[in-house]
Protein backbone atom coordinates (compact mmCIF):
# COMPACT_ATOMS: atom_id res chain seq x y z
CA MET A 1 -0.90 -25.96 -9.65
CA ASP A 2 -3.64 -23.44 -8.86
CA ILE A 3 -6.39 -25.81 -7.75
CA LYS A 4 -9.11 -23.17 -7.72
CA ALA A 5 -8.20 -21.99 -11.21
CA SER A 6 -8.13 -25.59 -12.44
CA LEU A 7 -11.52 -26.29 -10.85
CA ALA A 8 -12.95 -23.12 -12.40
CA GLY A 9 -11.71 -24.30 -15.80
CA GLU A 10 -13.37 -27.71 -15.37
CA ILE A 11 -16.69 -26.13 -14.35
CA ALA A 12 -16.54 -23.66 -17.24
CA LYS A 13 -15.82 -26.46 -19.73
CA ALA A 14 -18.69 -28.58 -18.41
CA VAL A 15 -21.39 -25.91 -18.74
CA GLY A 16 -20.00 -23.56 -21.40
CA LEU A 17 -19.12 -20.62 -19.15
CA ASP A 18 -16.11 -18.30 -19.09
CA GLY A 19 -13.30 -19.68 -16.92
CA ALA A 20 -12.26 -16.30 -15.52
CA GLU A 21 -15.87 -15.53 -14.61
CA VAL A 22 -16.26 -18.85 -12.79
CA LEU A 23 -12.95 -18.32 -10.93
CA ASP A 24 -14.24 -14.95 -9.79
CA MET A 25 -17.42 -16.62 -8.51
CA LEU A 26 -15.69 -19.39 -6.54
CA GLU A 27 -15.64 -18.77 -2.80
CA THR A 28 -13.99 -20.30 0.23
CA PRO A 29 -16.72 -21.38 2.68
CA PRO A 30 -16.44 -19.88 6.19
CA ASP A 31 -16.64 -23.35 7.75
CA PRO A 32 -14.43 -26.23 6.41
CA LYS A 33 -17.37 -28.60 7.05
CA MET A 34 -19.12 -26.84 4.13
CA GLY A 35 -16.27 -27.67 1.77
CA ASP A 36 -12.98 -26.23 0.58
CA ALA A 37 -14.45 -24.31 -2.35
CA ALA A 38 -18.00 -23.32 -3.24
CA LEU A 39 -19.74 -22.08 -6.37
CA PRO A 40 -22.76 -19.87 -5.58
CA CYS A 41 -25.19 -20.33 -8.48
CA PHE A 42 -27.42 -17.30 -7.89
CA LYS A 43 -25.68 -15.17 -10.54
CA LEU A 44 -26.38 -17.84 -13.15
CA ALA A 45 -30.15 -17.97 -12.53
CA LYS A 46 -30.92 -15.23 -15.06
CA THR A 47 -28.90 -16.66 -17.95
CA MET A 48 -29.64 -20.35 -17.28
CA LYS A 49 -33.31 -19.60 -16.44
CA MET A 50 -33.42 -22.01 -13.50
CA ALA A 51 -33.53 -21.81 -9.74
CA PRO A 52 -30.03 -21.80 -8.16
CA PRO A 53 -30.41 -25.27 -6.51
CA LYS A 54 -31.38 -26.75 -9.92
CA ILE A 55 -28.37 -25.06 -11.54
CA ALA A 56 -26.07 -26.54 -8.86
CA GLU A 57 -27.49 -30.03 -9.54
CA GLU A 58 -27.14 -29.62 -13.32
CA ILE A 59 -23.50 -28.52 -13.06
CA MET A 60 -22.72 -31.43 -10.71
CA GLY A 61 -24.31 -33.83 -13.21
CA LYS A 62 -22.23 -32.55 -16.12
CA LEU A 63 -18.93 -32.14 -14.26
CA GLN A 64 -16.34 -34.90 -14.48
CA LYS A 65 -14.80 -34.97 -11.00
CA PRO A 66 -11.07 -34.02 -11.15
CA GLU A 67 -8.58 -36.16 -9.21
CA TYR A 68 -8.02 -33.45 -6.64
CA ILE A 69 -11.72 -33.35 -5.66
CA ALA A 70 -12.89 -36.02 -3.23
CA GLU A 71 -16.57 -35.09 -3.09
CA ILE A 72 -19.09 -32.65 -4.57
CA ARG A 73 -22.31 -31.72 -2.75
CA VAL A 74 -25.27 -29.49 -3.52
CA ALA A 75 -26.37 -27.30 -0.61
CA GLY A 76 -29.22 -25.01 -1.58
CA GLY A 77 -27.97 -22.69 -4.32
CA TYR A 78 -24.34 -23.68 -3.69
CA LEU A 79 -22.17 -26.36 -5.23
CA ASN A 80 -19.63 -27.34 -2.59
CA PHE A 81 -16.31 -29.01 -3.39
CA PHE A 82 -14.23 -31.05 -0.95
CA TYR A 83 -10.58 -31.49 -1.88
CA ASP A 84 -8.85 -34.83 -1.84
CA LYS A 85 -6.70 -33.99 1.18
CA THR A 86 -3.77 -36.23 0.31
CA PHE A 87 -3.47 -34.84 -3.22
CA TYR A 88 -4.09 -31.26 -2.05
CA VAL A 89 -1.58 -31.28 0.80
CA LYS A 90 1.16 -32.94 -1.23
CA THR A 91 0.67 -30.61 -4.22
CA VAL A 92 0.53 -27.35 -2.26
CA MET A 93 3.37 -28.23 0.08
CA GLY A 94 5.59 -29.30 -2.81
CA GLU A 95 5.06 -26.03 -4.65
CA VAL A 96 5.40 -23.75 -1.62
CA LEU A 97 8.56 -25.46 -0.38
CA ALA A 98 10.13 -25.40 -3.83
CA ALA A 99 9.47 -21.66 -4.15
CA GLY A 100 10.58 -20.74 -0.60
CA THR A 101 10.50 -16.97 -0.06
CA ASP A 102 9.70 -16.56 -3.78
CA TRP A 103 6.24 -18.13 -3.37
CA GLY A 104 3.75 -15.98 -5.26
CA LYS A 105 6.39 -14.30 -7.42
CA ALA A 106 5.09 -13.92 -10.97
CA LYS A 107 5.64 -12.36 -14.37
CA ILE A 108 2.04 -11.33 -15.03
CA GLY A 109 3.16 -7.71 -15.24
CA ALA A 110 5.98 -8.29 -17.73
CA GLY A 111 6.15 -5.44 -20.24
CA LYS A 112 3.68 -3.28 -18.29
CA THR A 113 4.58 -0.07 -16.47
CA ILE A 114 2.89 1.21 -13.33
CA VAL A 115 3.51 4.80 -12.18
CA ILE A 116 2.75 5.37 -8.49
CA ASP A 117 2.62 8.89 -7.03
CA TYR A 118 2.94 8.61 -3.23
CA SER A 119 4.21 10.32 -0.09
CA SER A 120 4.57 13.70 -1.83
CA ILE A 121 5.95 15.58 1.13
CA ASN A 122 6.15 19.36 1.28
CA ILE A 123 9.50 21.11 1.25
CA ALA A 124 10.34 23.00 4.46
CA LYS A 125 7.44 21.35 6.29
CA PRO A 126 7.48 18.42 8.71
CA PHE A 127 7.38 14.84 7.50
CA HIS A 128 4.52 14.08 9.90
CA ILE A 129 2.17 11.18 10.60
CA GLY A 130 -0.29 12.64 8.08
CA HIS A 131 2.15 11.49 5.38
CA LEU A 132 2.42 7.96 6.77
CA SER A 133 -0.63 6.50 4.99
CA SER A 134 0.36 7.71 1.51
CA THR A 135 3.97 6.64 2.09
CA ALA A 136 3.20 3.16 3.47
CA ILE A 137 0.37 2.36 1.01
CA GLY A 138 2.33 3.60 -2.00
CA SER A 139 5.51 1.78 -0.98
CA ALA A 140 3.63 -1.50 -0.41
CA LEU A 141 1.97 -1.22 -3.82
CA TYR A 142 5.39 -0.48 -5.35
CA LYS A 143 6.77 -3.69 -3.84
CA ILE A 144 3.77 -5.89 -4.68
CA TYR A 145 3.54 -4.74 -8.31
CA SER A 146 7.31 -5.22 -8.71
CA TYR A 147 7.06 -8.73 -7.22
CA LEU A 148 4.45 -9.60 -9.84
CA GLY A 149 6.78 -8.56 -12.66
CA TYR A 150 5.60 -5.03 -13.44
CA ASP A 151 8.02 -2.20 -14.20
CA VAL A 152 7.19 0.26 -11.43
CA VAL A 153 8.06 3.95 -11.26
CA GLY A 154 7.77 5.49 -7.81
CA VAL A 155 7.20 9.25 -7.90
CA ASN A 156 7.54 11.59 -4.94
CA HIS A 157 5.60 14.59 -6.29
CA LEU A 158 7.21 17.12 -3.97
CA GLY A 159 5.22 20.10 -2.77
CA ASP A 160 7.91 22.60 -3.74
CA TRP A 161 5.98 25.52 -5.18
CA GLY A 162 3.75 28.26 -3.81
CA THR A 163 3.51 31.47 -1.83
CA GLN A 164 4.32 29.66 1.42
CA PHE A 165 7.98 29.53 0.38
CA GLY A 166 8.04 33.28 -0.02
CA LYS A 167 6.50 33.58 3.45
CA LEU A 168 9.12 31.24 4.89
CA ILE A 169 11.93 33.31 3.37
CA THR A 170 10.30 36.41 4.88
CA ALA A 171 10.27 34.74 8.31
CA TYR A 172 13.88 33.65 7.86
CA LYS A 173 14.93 37.19 6.91
CA HIS A 174 13.22 38.67 9.99
CA TRP A 175 13.96 36.10 12.69
CA GLY A 176 16.02 33.21 11.25
CA SER A 177 19.40 31.92 12.25
CA ASP A 178 21.58 29.92 9.84
CA ASP A 179 23.09 27.92 12.68
CA GLU A 180 19.64 27.09 14.11
CA ILE A 181 18.27 26.00 10.72
CA ASN A 182 21.33 23.91 9.87
CA LYS A 183 21.14 22.28 13.29
CA ASN A 184 17.38 21.66 13.59
CA SER A 185 16.39 21.67 9.92
CA VAL A 186 12.62 21.33 9.41
CA SER A 187 11.81 21.90 13.10
CA ALA A 188 13.45 25.33 12.90
CA MET A 189 11.66 26.10 9.62
CA LEU A 190 8.32 25.08 11.15
CA GLU A 191 8.87 27.48 14.06
CA LEU A 192 9.57 30.30 11.61
CA TYR A 193 6.50 29.40 9.50
CA VAL A 194 4.20 29.33 12.54
CA ARG A 195 5.62 32.63 13.82
CA LEU A 196 5.09 34.31 10.43
CA HIS A 197 1.37 33.40 10.48
CA LYS A 198 0.93 34.67 14.03
CA GLU A 199 2.80 37.92 13.34
CA ALA A 200 0.90 38.44 10.06
CA GLU A 201 -2.39 38.51 11.97
CA GLN A 202 -1.19 41.85 13.37
CA ASP A 203 0.93 42.98 10.40
CA GLU A 204 -0.54 42.20 6.96
CA SER A 205 2.55 43.65 5.26
CA LEU A 206 4.40 40.42 6.16
CA ASN A 207 2.08 38.51 3.78
CA ASP A 208 2.79 41.09 1.06
CA GLU A 209 6.49 40.60 1.70
CA GLY A 210 6.03 36.83 1.39
CA ARG A 211 4.29 37.20 -1.97
CA ALA A 212 7.11 39.44 -3.14
CA TRP A 213 9.74 36.85 -2.18
CA PHE A 214 7.82 34.11 -4.00
CA LYS A 215 7.71 36.34 -7.08
CA LYS A 216 11.51 36.51 -6.81
CA ILE A 217 11.65 32.70 -6.79
CA GLU A 218 9.43 32.62 -9.90
CA ASP A 219 11.66 35.20 -11.58
CA GLY A 220 14.85 33.25 -10.82
CA ASP A 221 16.31 35.73 -8.32
CA GLU A 222 19.70 34.40 -7.23
CA GLU A 223 19.30 34.99 -3.48
CA ALA A 224 15.73 33.71 -3.37
CA LEU A 225 16.69 30.53 -5.21
CA ARG A 226 19.76 29.99 -3.03
CA ILE A 227 17.69 30.13 0.16
CA PHE A 228 14.93 27.99 -1.34
CA GLU A 229 17.37 25.30 -2.56
CA TRP A 230 18.99 25.27 0.88
CA PHE A 231 15.58 24.66 2.51
CA LYS A 232 14.87 21.93 -0.04
CA GLU A 233 18.18 20.14 0.54
CA LEU A 234 17.72 20.13 4.32
CA THR A 235 14.14 18.81 4.00
CA LEU A 236 15.10 15.98 1.65
CA ASN A 237 18.08 14.97 3.81
CA GLU A 238 15.77 14.70 6.81
CA ALA A 239 13.11 12.86 4.79
CA LYS A 240 15.66 10.38 3.45
CA ARG A 241 16.46 9.27 6.98
CA VAL A 242 12.79 8.41 7.49
CA TYR A 243 12.42 6.78 4.06
CA ASP A 244 15.45 4.56 4.73
CA ARG A 245 13.96 3.41 8.03
CA LEU A 246 10.61 2.65 6.35
CA ASP A 247 12.33 0.81 3.45
CA VAL A 248 10.75 3.25 0.98
CA GLN A 249 12.26 4.12 -2.38
CA PHE A 250 11.49 6.48 -5.26
CA ASP A 251 12.60 6.70 -8.86
CA SER A 252 11.65 10.35 -9.32
CA TYR A 253 11.43 13.42 -7.10
CA ALA A 254 9.88 15.58 -9.84
CA GLY A 255 7.62 17.90 -7.86
CA GLU A 256 5.38 20.86 -8.63
CA SER A 257 8.25 23.17 -9.62
CA PHE A 258 9.38 20.63 -12.25
CA TYR A 259 6.21 21.32 -14.24
CA ASN A 260 6.38 25.12 -14.22
CA ASP A 261 7.77 25.25 -17.73
CA LYS A 262 5.26 22.64 -18.93
CA VAL A 263 1.95 24.14 -17.84
CA GLY A 264 1.99 26.74 -20.62
CA ALA A 265 1.75 24.02 -23.25
CA VAL A 266 -1.26 22.53 -21.43
CA VAL A 267 -3.04 25.91 -21.37
CA ASP A 268 -2.28 26.46 -25.06
CA GLU A 269 -3.60 23.01 -25.94
CA LEU A 270 -6.81 23.61 -24.02
CA LYS A 271 -7.27 26.87 -25.90
CA GLU A 272 -6.58 25.24 -29.28
CA LYS A 273 -9.18 22.55 -28.53
CA ASN A 274 -11.72 25.23 -27.50
CA LEU A 275 -12.02 23.77 -24.02
CA LEU A 276 -11.14 26.91 -22.03
CA GLU A 277 -13.90 29.31 -21.06
CA GLU A 278 -13.67 32.57 -19.15
CA SER A 279 -15.55 32.69 -15.86
CA ASP A 280 -15.35 35.75 -13.59
CA GLY A 281 -11.89 36.56 -14.96
CA ALA A 282 -10.60 33.01 -14.45
CA TYR A 283 -10.32 30.31 -17.12
CA VAL A 284 -12.09 27.00 -16.62
CA VAL A 285 -12.95 23.75 -18.39
CA ARG A 286 -16.64 22.95 -18.05
CA LEU A 287 -17.43 19.38 -17.05
CA ASP A 288 -21.23 19.43 -17.11
CA GLU A 289 -21.42 16.11 -18.98
CA HIS A 290 -19.48 14.49 -16.13
CA LYS A 291 -21.80 16.15 -13.57
CA LEU A 292 -18.78 17.89 -12.06
CA PRO A 293 -18.13 21.56 -11.31
CA PRO A 294 -15.79 23.37 -13.74
CA ALA A 295 -12.07 22.71 -13.37
CA ILE A 296 -10.24 26.01 -12.81
CA ILE A 297 -7.11 26.09 -14.99
CA LEU A 298 -5.99 29.74 -14.58
CA LYS A 299 -6.88 32.11 -11.76
CA SER A 300 -7.97 35.65 -12.58
CA ASP A 301 -4.37 36.86 -12.05
CA GLY A 302 -3.12 34.30 -14.58
CA ALA A 303 -1.61 31.98 -11.97
CA THR A 304 -1.85 28.21 -12.46
CA LEU A 305 -3.35 25.80 -9.91
CA TYR A 306 -2.85 22.21 -8.75
CA ALA A 307 -5.12 21.02 -11.57
CA THR A 308 -2.98 22.73 -14.22
CA ARG A 309 0.20 21.19 -12.84
CA ASP A 310 -1.40 17.75 -12.47
CA LEU A 311 -2.52 17.86 -16.12
CA ALA A 312 1.06 18.68 -17.11
CA ALA A 313 2.38 15.92 -14.84
CA ALA A 314 -0.01 13.29 -16.27
CA LYS A 315 1.00 14.21 -19.84
CA TYR A 316 4.71 14.09 -18.93
CA ARG A 317 4.36 10.71 -17.20
CA HIS A 318 2.57 9.18 -20.16
CA GLN A 319 5.12 10.55 -22.63
CA THR A 320 8.04 9.44 -20.44
CA TYR A 321 6.86 6.08 -19.11
CA ASP A 322 3.97 5.01 -21.41
CA PHE A 323 2.19 3.70 -18.33
CA ASP A 324 -0.45 0.99 -18.10
CA LYS A 325 -1.62 2.48 -14.79
CA ASN A 326 -0.97 5.93 -13.35
CA LEU A 327 -1.84 5.80 -9.64
CA TYR A 328 -2.21 8.71 -7.23
CA VAL A 329 -2.03 7.62 -3.57
CA VAL A 330 -3.68 10.71 -2.10
CA ALA A 331 -6.26 11.24 0.68
CA TYR A 332 -9.95 11.11 -0.24
CA GLN A 333 -10.22 14.85 0.41
CA GLN A 334 -8.93 15.19 -3.15
CA ASN A 335 -11.64 12.99 -4.72
CA LEU A 336 -13.22 15.88 -6.61
CA HIS A 337 -9.86 17.25 -7.75
CA PHE A 338 -8.82 13.97 -9.40
CA LYS A 339 -12.25 13.38 -10.94
CA GLN A 340 -11.90 16.80 -12.57
CA VAL A 341 -8.31 16.23 -13.74
CA PHE A 342 -9.15 12.84 -15.27
CA ALA A 343 -12.30 14.28 -16.91
CA VAL A 344 -10.27 17.13 -18.46
CA LEU A 345 -7.72 14.63 -19.81
CA GLU A 346 -10.60 12.69 -21.37
CA LYS A 347 -12.01 15.86 -22.95
CA MET A 348 -8.57 16.63 -24.34
CA GLY A 349 -8.88 13.37 -26.28
CA TYR A 350 -6.33 11.27 -24.41
CA GLY A 351 -7.36 7.62 -24.63
CA TRP A 352 -5.10 6.84 -21.70
CA ALA A 353 -7.11 9.01 -19.29
CA ASP A 354 -8.90 5.91 -17.98
CA LYS A 355 -5.52 4.46 -16.94
CA CYS A 356 -5.25 7.21 -14.32
CA GLU A 357 -6.61 6.19 -10.93
CA HIS A 358 -6.98 7.92 -7.59
CA VAL A 359 -6.01 5.46 -4.84
CA ALA A 360 -7.82 7.27 -2.04
CA PHE A 361 -7.21 6.72 1.66
CA GLY A 362 -8.74 8.00 4.88
CA MET A 363 -7.60 11.05 6.79
CA VAL A 364 -5.25 10.98 9.75
CA SER A 365 -6.13 13.16 12.73
CA LEU A 366 -4.89 13.52 16.28
CA GLU A 367 -7.03 12.48 19.24
CA ASP A 368 -7.50 16.16 20.09
CA GLY A 369 -8.18 17.40 16.56
CA THR A 370 -6.84 17.70 13.03
CA LEU A 371 -3.25 18.29 11.96
CA SER A 372 -2.27 21.86 11.10
CA THR A 373 1.19 22.95 9.98
CA ARG A 374 0.26 26.63 10.32
CA GLU A 375 -0.54 26.17 14.00
CA GLY A 376 2.45 23.89 14.53
CA LYS A 377 0.01 21.12 15.50
CA VAL A 378 1.79 18.10 14.04
CA VAL A 379 3.45 14.90 15.16
CA PHE A 380 6.76 14.28 13.40
CA LEU A 381 6.88 10.80 11.90
CA GLU A 382 10.49 10.36 13.01
CA ASP A 383 9.43 11.04 16.62
CA VAL A 384 6.80 8.29 16.31
CA LEU A 385 9.38 5.84 14.96
CA ASN A 386 11.86 6.74 17.70
CA ALA A 387 9.21 6.27 20.41
CA ALA A 388 8.22 2.87 19.00
CA VAL A 389 11.84 1.70 18.85
CA GLU A 390 12.58 2.96 22.39
CA LYS A 391 9.58 1.11 23.80
CA THR A 392 10.58 -2.06 21.96
CA LEU A 393 14.16 -1.88 23.22
CA ALA A 394 12.93 -1.45 26.79
CA ILE A 395 10.78 -4.60 26.44
CA ILE A 396 13.69 -6.57 24.93
CA ASN A 397 16.09 -5.42 27.69
CA GLU A 398 13.56 -6.57 30.30
CA LYS A 399 12.50 -9.90 28.76
CA SER A 400 15.45 -10.96 26.57
CA PRO A 401 18.60 -9.24 27.86
CA GLU A 402 20.76 -12.02 26.35
CA LEU A 403 19.49 -11.35 22.81
CA GLU A 404 22.21 -10.29 20.38
CA ASN A 405 21.83 -7.19 18.17
CA ARG A 406 19.08 -5.85 20.42
CA ALA A 407 19.20 -2.31 19.01
CA ALA A 408 18.85 -3.52 15.40
CA ILE A 409 16.00 -5.89 16.31
CA ALA A 410 14.24 -3.13 18.28
CA GLU A 411 14.47 -0.92 15.18
CA ASP A 412 12.90 -3.62 13.00
CA ILE A 413 10.08 -4.29 15.47
CA GLY A 414 9.33 -0.68 16.39
CA VAL A 415 9.26 0.57 12.80
CA GLY A 416 7.28 -2.51 11.76
CA ALA A 417 4.67 -1.73 14.41
CA VAL A 418 4.12 1.74 12.96
CA ILE A 419 3.86 0.49 9.35
CA TYR A 420 1.51 -2.34 10.34
CA SER A 421 -0.77 0.09 12.20
CA THR A 422 -1.33 1.96 8.93
CA LEU A 423 -1.79 -1.09 6.70
CA SER A 424 -3.89 -3.12 9.14
CA GLN A 425 -7.23 -1.85 7.84
CA SER A 426 -8.83 -0.87 4.55
CA ARG A 427 -7.05 2.22 3.21
CA ILE A 428 -10.27 4.23 2.89
CA LYS A 429 -10.93 4.24 6.65
CA ASP A 430 -10.05 7.32 8.69
CA ILE A 431 -7.33 6.95 11.31
CA THR A 432 -7.26 8.75 14.64
CA PHE A 433 -3.61 8.59 15.57
CA SER A 434 -2.92 7.27 19.06
CA PHE A 435 0.56 6.61 20.43
CA ASP A 436 -0.87 4.06 22.86
CA ARG A 437 -2.57 2.05 20.14
CA VAL A 438 0.36 2.11 17.69
CA LEU A 439 2.79 1.07 20.44
CA ASN A 440 0.51 -1.66 21.81
CA PHE A 441 2.16 -4.90 20.74
CA ASP A 442 -0.61 -7.25 21.89
CA GLY A 443 -3.18 -8.81 19.55
CA GLU A 444 -3.12 -8.26 15.79
CA THR A 445 0.03 -6.19 15.41
CA GLY A 446 3.25 -6.12 13.44
CA PRO A 447 5.27 -7.53 16.38
CA TYR A 448 2.79 -10.43 16.63
CA LEU A 449 3.56 -11.44 13.03
CA GLN A 450 7.29 -10.90 13.51
CA TYR A 451 7.24 -13.07 16.64
CA CYS A 452 5.41 -15.85 14.77
CA HIS A 453 8.09 -15.70 12.05
CA ALA A 454 10.89 -15.80 14.64
CA ARG A 455 9.29 -18.76 16.45
CA CYS A 456 8.91 -20.68 13.18
CA ASN A 457 12.55 -19.93 12.39
CA SER A 458 13.59 -21.18 15.82
CA VAL A 459 11.74 -24.48 15.27
CA VAL A 460 13.34 -24.96 11.84
CA GLU A 461 16.83 -24.22 13.21
CA ARG A 462 16.29 -26.54 16.18
CA ALA A 463 15.16 -29.34 13.85
CA GLY A 464 18.39 -29.01 11.84
CA GLU A 465 18.97 -30.58 8.44
CA ARG A 466 16.23 -33.10 7.64
CA ASN A 467 16.02 -35.84 5.04
CA ALA A 468 13.30 -35.68 2.38
CA LYS A 469 11.04 -38.45 3.72
CA MET A 470 7.57 -37.08 4.33
CA ASP A 471 4.26 -38.38 5.62
CA TYR A 472 1.75 -35.85 4.33
CA SER A 473 -1.13 -37.69 6.03
CA VAL A 474 -0.09 -36.03 9.32
CA LEU A 475 -1.25 -32.72 7.81
CA GLU A 476 -4.76 -33.96 7.00
CA ASN A 477 -6.25 -32.37 10.12
CA ASP A 478 -8.30 -29.18 10.43
CA GLU A 479 -5.49 -27.08 11.94
CA ALA A 480 -2.92 -28.00 9.29
CA MET A 481 -5.44 -27.68 6.45
CA ALA A 482 -6.30 -24.14 7.60
CA VAL A 483 -2.60 -23.24 7.34
CA ILE A 484 -2.12 -24.93 3.96
CA LYS A 485 -5.15 -23.19 2.43
CA LEU A 486 -3.71 -19.83 3.45
CA LEU A 487 -0.33 -20.76 1.99
CA GLU A 488 -1.96 -21.85 -1.26
CA SER A 489 -4.00 -18.66 -1.68
CA PHE A 490 -1.14 -16.23 -0.98
CA PRO A 491 -0.29 -15.72 -4.70
CA GLN A 492 -3.92 -14.88 -5.54
CA VAL A 493 -4.07 -12.42 -2.62
CA LEU A 494 -1.13 -10.53 -4.14
CA VAL A 495 -2.95 -10.31 -7.47
CA SER A 496 -6.12 -9.12 -5.71
CA ALA A 497 -4.08 -6.47 -3.88
CA THR A 498 -3.00 -5.00 -7.23
CA GLU A 499 -6.47 -5.29 -8.77
CA LYS A 500 -7.95 -3.23 -5.93
CA ASN A 501 -4.74 -1.34 -5.06
CA GLU A 502 -5.31 -2.47 -1.49
CA PRO A 503 -2.23 -3.63 0.52
CA PHE A 504 -4.56 -4.43 3.43
CA TYR A 505 -5.41 -7.69 1.65
CA VAL A 506 -1.82 -8.83 2.23
CA THR A 507 -1.78 -7.59 5.84
CA ARG A 508 -5.02 -9.42 6.62
CA HIS A 509 -3.87 -12.61 4.91
CA ILE A 510 -0.53 -12.97 6.68
CA THR A 511 -2.19 -12.08 9.99
CA ASP A 512 -4.65 -14.93 9.39
CA LEU A 513 -1.70 -17.17 8.50
CA ALA A 514 0.13 -16.32 11.72
CA GLN A 515 -3.00 -17.01 13.77
CA ALA A 516 -3.62 -20.32 11.98
CA CYS A 517 0.02 -21.30 12.51
CA ASN A 518 -0.13 -20.50 16.21
CA LYS A 519 -3.28 -22.61 16.57
CA TYR A 520 -1.56 -25.50 14.77
CA TYR A 521 1.57 -25.09 16.91
CA PHE A 522 -0.57 -25.23 20.08
CA GLU A 523 -2.43 -28.38 18.99
CA HIS A 524 0.44 -30.39 17.42
CA LYS A 525 3.96 -31.11 18.60
CA ILE A 526 6.37 -30.29 15.75
CA ILE A 527 9.46 -32.27 16.71
CA ASP A 528 9.10 -35.81 18.10
CA ASP A 529 10.60 -39.31 17.67
CA ASN A 530 8.69 -40.07 14.46
CA GLU A 531 11.12 -38.99 11.74
CA GLU A 532 8.73 -38.69 8.78
CA GLN A 533 6.09 -36.98 10.90
CA THR A 534 8.67 -34.50 12.21
CA ASN A 535 10.02 -33.85 8.71
CA THR A 536 6.54 -33.00 7.46
CA ARG A 537 5.60 -30.74 10.34
CA VAL A 538 8.95 -28.94 10.19
CA ALA A 539 8.40 -28.48 6.45
CA LEU A 540 5.02 -26.87 7.13
CA THR A 541 6.63 -24.60 9.73
CA LYS A 542 9.35 -23.62 7.25
CA ALA A 543 6.72 -22.81 4.61
CA VAL A 544 4.89 -20.54 7.04
CA ARG A 545 8.14 -18.84 8.03
CA ASP A 546 9.07 -18.14 4.40
CA VAL A 547 5.63 -16.83 3.39
CA LEU A 548 5.40 -14.62 6.48
CA LYS A 549 8.85 -13.20 5.70
CA ARG A 550 7.84 -12.45 2.10
CA GLY A 551 4.46 -11.00 3.08
CA LEU A 552 6.03 -8.72 5.68
CA SER A 553 8.73 -7.58 3.25
CA LEU A 554 6.08 -6.62 0.67
CA LEU A 555 4.57 -4.34 3.32
CA GLY A 556 7.97 -2.85 4.12
CA ILE A 557 8.31 -4.70 7.44
CA LYS A 558 11.46 -6.57 8.42
CA ALA A 559 11.26 -10.11 9.83
CA PRO A 560 13.96 -10.70 12.49
CA ASP A 561 15.10 -14.33 12.84
CA LYS A 562 15.21 -13.99 16.62
CA MET A 563 13.09 -11.99 19.07
């Protein structure tokens, strides 16, 4: 039973409002003394033509109090509801315990397809911390949407096209070693790429040579393609190691090169619909009505751009997957680009253009400046994961040397710390990457949540098999009620996370749950001589354990049973 949804329905029925609108208006007061749910009446003042306090009184007068509500009070422009604690606790606990780690699982997305474009690493370039946000956010959304019953298609739109690959082949031809590249993979390619740019500052002919090699790739030259495919294979092998550690999956690796034979049809269609205009030798689509600068479709030399390929990709994805949402998890630096692409799709007459959405996130920079592949100024993501795991293992060896499977647990905790650091704030905020902060396990961190899960698991295991006799009255205290409210609202948090495409909602919620659980644990002894009381408190602990485990898994974080 969704008590808030039921309450919203009762309010709507009493005063002739829309149930979904009322549910959206219902709030949880910051202080339990103000109630368990509150309806602010300020929005209704215009339509009901009354002052908010009068509206609150009128609704209270018309509302037949449901059995799960103990008391209703008017406080200014708010109508505050106090749950019947016995009914509330028994109902919520029964449902959460019955669902176990499937609490919040739903079929609301049945028959709907969500395409998510995320990570999108570049071939022959490092998988660095700048890719972490897109990867972690996209993967979490993939998991949450799937959990709610949607068919999800994860796309890694590889950066595998452009002059830089010709330049890399040039560098390889001048200074490369097959053994070195096979041994060190992307690190060796990065060194070659950086050297090419430094050498080209003195010798411009190297850039000309790079353009010539890229032309060979475009023309299908056998040697050029062989080298390029070799670089691509090595990059993806290295990336897969990282993806496996982050519990990230994809259903498609169709990158920029995949759309080379599809951009021509887009250009022809734009011409047929009289949308292309010449501008200084280039061809553009004007977007004056959207108050946007023109979208460049063809450069003056006839070459296509990101926009052209993204138009082709959007058309292909709609034809292939018939999506209900087409999400692009890309940094906010590309805000203008996606506004232009979506506006062009709309001008082309595609009614599904409004199903395309840019899920923007903040930029990642180093403490001493921005990331730059050309300058070799990057931090490899795998190095960050390794450092986190090494630090974790050192702590475990010092504090819990008797712990079994220490290496595997250190991997789960260290990698979890890195993922949590990315998903612990709103995605739109910029991140200044700091090793010290990511590897600090105190306070609100991934290891804190994992430890809470492990402690709950330890309590449940220590309690052993219990009979079903419960005394729910022992949970009618402030500490237990705070935990139960967070358990109850977990399913709605997952829905909100998809509505806003914001995994941080889940991170924040399970962090609050862990903190509420720890406060309860500190104030109340779980196992004592009172059998029914112990059964009930162990049941609450088990519910927290299961919801924490599920919440962490939806973020891509493992939950060790012991720490």
